[in-house]
Amino acid sequence: MLSDEDIIAVWPARLADREHLVWKGRHLKTSFLFALGERRYLVAIREGQMHVRAASTIVMPQWDFALRADEHVWHAFFQPVPPPEYHDLLAMMKCRRLIIEGNIYAFMSHLLFFKALFTLLRSTEK
């Protein structure tokens, strides 16, 4: 099984391999904070392309919205077939396992894009 860092490292390449998903995000310009427990990543989406950096390397990170959950929550979500309540971002939010905060306009207006984007994090050996 891939580690969290490996999963995050291959995430932009997985997006680039999905032409339809890149096309869906072609009008999206946002950045968000992705928190796996204490580890935080700043993810920028610009015209269907993604750039991921560790937020600790940025002096004053700016983001539009944040997705925060404990590591065990994300590990359950990363499984190829996640258990109930961990299968979807909004299901995790409804069950109070995921916190979505900030200006969520971009997230909600491109919800299907973000759901598909996070599904790319499911651990599949590649």
C-alpha atoms as a PDB file:
ATOM      1  CA  MET A   1       0.000   0.000   0.000  1.00  0.00           C
ATOM      2  CA  LEU A   2       1.224   3.473  -0.848  1.00  0.00           C
ATOM      3  CA  SER A   3       2.066   5.944   1.907  1.00  0.00           C
ATOM      4  CA  ASP A   4       0.256   9.271   2.259  1.00  0.00           C
ATOM      5  CA  GLU A   5       3.205  11.128   0.737  1.00  0.00           C
ATOM      6  CA  ASP A   6       3.281   8.771  -2.241  1.00  0.00           C
ATOM      7  CA  ILE A   7      -0.444   9.163  -2.773  1.00  0.00           C
ATOM      8  CA  ILE A   8      -0.151  12.959  -2.686  1.00  0.00           C
ATOM      9  CA  ALA A   9       2.880  12.866  -5.002  1.00  0.00           C
ATOM     10  CA  VAL A  10       1.046  10.947  -7.741  1.00  0.00           C
ATOM     11  CA  TRP A  11      -2.211  12.908  -7.387  1.00  0.00           C
ATOM     12  CA  PRO A  12      -1.429  15.587 -10.048  1.00  0.00           C
ATOM     13  CA  ALA A  13      -0.323  12.896 -12.514  1.00  0.00           C
ATOM     14  CA  ARG A  14      -3.512  10.933 -11.919  1.00  0.00           C
ATOM     15  CA  LEU A  15      -5.533  14.059 -12.674  1.00  0.00           C
ATOM     16  CA  ALA A  16      -3.515  14.765 -15.825  1.00  0.00           C
ATOM     17  CA  ASP A  17      -4.241  11.204 -17.027  1.00  0.00           C
ATOM     18  CA  ARG A  18      -8.012  11.841 -16.863  1.00  0.00           C
ATOM     19  CA  GLU A  19      -8.738  14.105 -19.846  1.00  0.00           C
ATOM     20  CA  HIS A  20     -12.430  14.359 -19.045  1.00  0.00           C
ATOM     21  CA  LEU A  21     -11.710  15.447 -15.470  1.00  0.00           C
ATOM     22  CA  VAL A  22      -9.179  18.031 -16.682  1.00  0.00           C
ATOM     23  CA  TRP A  23     -11.856  19.285 -19.066  1.00  0.00           C
ATOM     24  CA  LYS A  24     -14.386  19.546 -16.195  1.00  0.00           C
ATOM     25  CA  GLY A  25     -11.955  21.693 -14.213  1.00  0.00           C
ATOM     26  CA  ARG A  26     -10.961  23.935 -17.100  1.00  0.00           C
ATOM     27  CA  HIS A  27     -12.763  27.000 -15.647  1.00  0.00           C
ATOM     28  CA  LEU A  28     -11.784  26.388 -12.026  1.00  0.00           C
ATOM     29  CA  LYS A  29      -9.246  28.661 -10.338  1.00  0.00           C
ATOM     30  CA  THR A  30      -8.955  27.986  -6.631  1.00  0.00           C
ATOM     31  CA  SER A  31      -6.609  26.840  -3.933  1.00  0.00           C
ATOM     32  CA  PHE A  32      -7.495  24.798  -0.884  1.00  0.00           C
ATOM     33  CA  LEU A  33      -5.901  23.385   2.205  1.00  0.00           C
ATOM     34  CA  PHE A  34      -5.969  19.602   2.438  1.00  0.00           C
ATOM     35  CA  ALA A  35      -5.249  18.493   6.018  1.00  0.00           C
ATOM     36  CA  LEU A  36      -4.468  14.885   6.913  1.00  0.00           C
ATOM     37  CA  GLY A  37      -4.300  15.222  10.661  1.00  0.00           C
ATOM     38  CA  GLU A  38      -1.240  17.378  11.355  1.00  0.00           C
ATOM     39  CA  ARG A  39       0.082  17.221   7.781  1.00  0.00           C
ATOM     40  CA  ARG A  40      -1.210  19.999   5.571  1.00  0.00           C
ATOM     41  CA  TYR A  41      -0.994  20.421   1.820  1.00  0.00           C
ATOM     42  CA  LEU A  42      -1.806  23.464  -0.269  1.00  0.00           C
ATOM     43  CA  VAL A  43      -3.486  22.402  -3.497  1.00  0.00           C
ATOM     44  CA  ALA A  44      -3.871  24.870  -6.363  1.00  0.00           C
ATOM     45  CA  ILE A  45      -6.202  24.127  -9.265  1.00  0.00           C
ATOM     46  CA  ARG A  46      -5.775  26.305 -12.332  1.00  0.00           C
ATOM     47  CA  GLU A  47      -7.525  25.514 -15.605  1.00  0.00           C
ATOM     48  CA  GLY A  48      -7.676  21.787 -14.892  1.00  0.00           C
ATOM     49  CA  GLN A  49      -4.063  21.507 -13.740  1.00  0.00           C
ATOM     50  CA  MET A  50      -3.105  20.757 -10.133  1.00  0.00           C
ATOM     51  CA  HIS A  51      -0.099  21.759  -8.074  1.00  0.00           C
ATOM     52  CA  VAL A  52       0.409  20.324  -4.566  1.00  0.00           C
ATOM     53  CA  ARG A  53       2.877  21.653  -1.989  1.00  0.00           C
ATOM     54  CA  ALA A  54       3.361  20.988   1.683  1.00  0.00           C
ATOM     55  CA  ALA A  55       1.811  23.954   3.500  1.00  0.00           C
ATOM     56  CA  SER A  56       4.677  23.927   6.003  1.00  0.00           C
ATOM     57  CA  THR A  57       7.019  25.133   3.239  1.00  0.00           C
ATOM     58  CA  ILE A  58       4.945  28.285   2.690  1.00  0.00           C
ATOM     59  CA  VAL A  59       5.337  31.188   5.099  1.00  0.00           C
ATOM     60  CA  MET A  60       1.751  32.470   4.931  1.00  0.00           C
ATOM     61  CA  PRO A  61      -0.353  30.024   2.915  1.00  0.00           C
ATOM     62  CA  GLN A  62      -3.507  31.451   1.374  1.00  0.00           C
ATOM     63  CA  TRP A  63      -6.431  29.242   0.453  1.00  0.00           C
ATOM     64  CA  ASP A  64     -10.113  29.623  -0.369  1.00  0.00           C
ATOM     65  CA  PHE A  65     -11.393  26.664   1.614  1.00  0.00           C
ATOM     66  CA  ALA A  66     -10.039  23.853   3.747  1.00  0.00           C
ATOM     67  CA  LEU A  67     -10.811  20.160   4.035  1.00  0.00           C
ATOM     68  CA  ARG A  68      -9.697  18.852   7.437  1.00  0.00           C
ATOM     69  CA  ALA A  69      -9.956  15.356   8.853  1.00  0.00           C
ATOM     70  CA  ASP A  70      -7.943  13.027  11.052  1.00  0.00           C
ATOM     71  CA  GLU A  71      -5.527  10.632   9.426  1.00  0.00           C
ATOM     72  CA  HIS A  72      -7.648   7.549  10.192  1.00  0.00           C
ATOM     73  CA  VAL A  73     -10.597   9.183   8.393  1.00  0.00           C
ATOM     74  CA  TRP A  74      -8.541   9.765   5.250  1.00  0.00           C
ATOM     75  CA  HIS A  75      -7.054   6.252   5.452  1.00  0.00           C
ATOM     76  CA  ALA A  76     -10.585   4.840   5.464  1.00  0.00           C
ATOM     77  CA  PHE A  77     -11.468   7.090   2.497  1.00  0.00           C
ATOM     78  CA  PHE A  78      -8.294   6.038   0.616  1.00  0.00           C
ATOM     79  CA  GLN A  79      -9.297   2.366   0.626  1.00  0.00           C
ATOM     80  CA  PRO A  80     -10.282   0.966  -2.796  1.00  0.00           C
ATOM     81  CA  VAL A  81     -13.750   0.204  -1.388  1.00  0.00           C
ATOM     82  CA  PRO A  82     -14.248   2.503   1.603  1.00  0.00           C
ATOM     83  CA  PRO A  83     -16.626   1.594   4.425  1.00  0.00           C
ATOM     84  CA  PRO A  84     -20.000   3.313   4.766  1.00  0.00           C
ATOM     85  CA  GLU A  85     -19.784   6.957   5.869  1.00  0.00           C
ATOM     86  CA  TYR A  86     -16.258   7.189   4.400  1.00  0.00           C
ATOM     87  CA  HIS A  87     -17.183   6.712   0.740  1.00  0.00           C
ATOM     88  CA  ASP A  88     -17.911  10.355  -0.111  1.00  0.00           C
ATOM     89  CA  LEU A  89     -16.743  13.800   0.989  1.00  0.00           C
ATOM     90  CA  LEU A  90     -20.236  15.008   1.869  1.00  0.00           C
ATOM     91  CA  ALA A  91     -21.020  11.769   3.708  1.00  0.00           C
ATOM     92  CA  MET A  92     -17.906  12.295   5.827  1.00  0.00           C
ATOM     93  CA  MET A  93     -18.985  15.881   6.480  1.00  0.00           C
ATOM     94  CA  LYS A  94     -22.505  14.822   7.430  1.00  0.00           C
ATOM     95  CA  CYS A  95     -21.113  12.249   9.878  1.00  0.00           C
ATOM     96  CA  ARG A  96     -18.809  14.930  11.345  1.00  0.00           C
ATOM     97  CA  ARG A  97     -15.627  13.233  10.251  1.00  0.00           C
ATOM     98  CA  LEU A  98     -14.625  15.931   7.745  1.00  0.00           C
ATOM     99  CA  ILE A  99     -14.624  19.686   8.314  1.00  0.00           C
ATOM    100  CA  ILE A 100     -15.094  21.900   5.273  1.00  0.00           C
ATOM    101  CA  GLU A 101     -14.498  25.546   6.085  1.00  0.00           C
ATOM    102  CA  GLY A 102     -13.794  28.852   4.407  1.00  0.00           C
ATOM    103  CA  ASN A 103     -15.286  30.187   1.194  1.00  0.00           C
ATOM    104  CA  ILE A 104     -16.776  26.983  -0.169  1.00  0.00           C
ATOM    105  CA  TYR A 105     -18.324  28.559  -3.268  1.00  0.00           C
ATOM    106  CA  ALA A 106     -15.737  27.020  -5.624  1.00  0.00           C
ATOM    107  CA  PHE A 107     -16.043  23.659  -3.856  1.00  0.00           C
ATOM    108  CA  MET A 108     -19.832  23.517  -4.072  1.00  0.00           C
ATOM    109  CA  SER A 109     -20.079  24.933  -7.605  1.00  0.00           C
ATOM    110  CA  HIS A 110     -17.595  22.291  -8.850  1.00  0.00           C
ATOM    111  CA  LEU A 111     -18.690  19.545  -6.471  1.00  0.00           C
ATOM    112  CA  LEU A 112     -18.628  16.703  -9.008  1.00  0.00           C
ATOM    113  CA  PHE A 113     -15.104  17.703 -10.041  1.00  0.00           C
ATOM    114  CA  PHE A 114     -13.901  17.635  -6.414  1.00  0.00           C
ATOM    115  CA  LYS A 115     -15.612  14.324  -5.698  1.00  0.00           C
ATOM    116  CA  ALA A 116     -13.884  12.774  -8.711  1.00  0.00           C
ATOM    117  CA  LEU A 117     -10.607  14.491  -7.819  1.00  0.00           C
ATOM    118  CA  PHE A 118     -10.578  13.020  -4.323  1.00  0.00           C
ATOM    119  CA  THR A 119     -11.595   9.614  -5.642  1.00  0.00           C
ATOM    120  CA  LEU A 120      -8.245   9.645  -7.471  1.00  0.00           C
ATOM    121  CA  LEU A 121      -6.605   9.371  -4.023  1.00  0.00           C
ATOM    122  CA  ARG A 122      -8.008   5.889  -3.509  1.00  0.00           C
ATOM    123  CA  SER A 123      -5.071   3.582  -3.056  1.00  0.00           C
ATOM    124  CA  THR A 124      -4.446   1.611  -6.187  1.00  0.00           C
ATOM    125  CA  GLU A 125      -0.949   0.407  -6.899  1.00  0.00           C
ATOM    126  CA  LYS A 126       0.221   2.252  -9.998  1.00  0.00           C
END
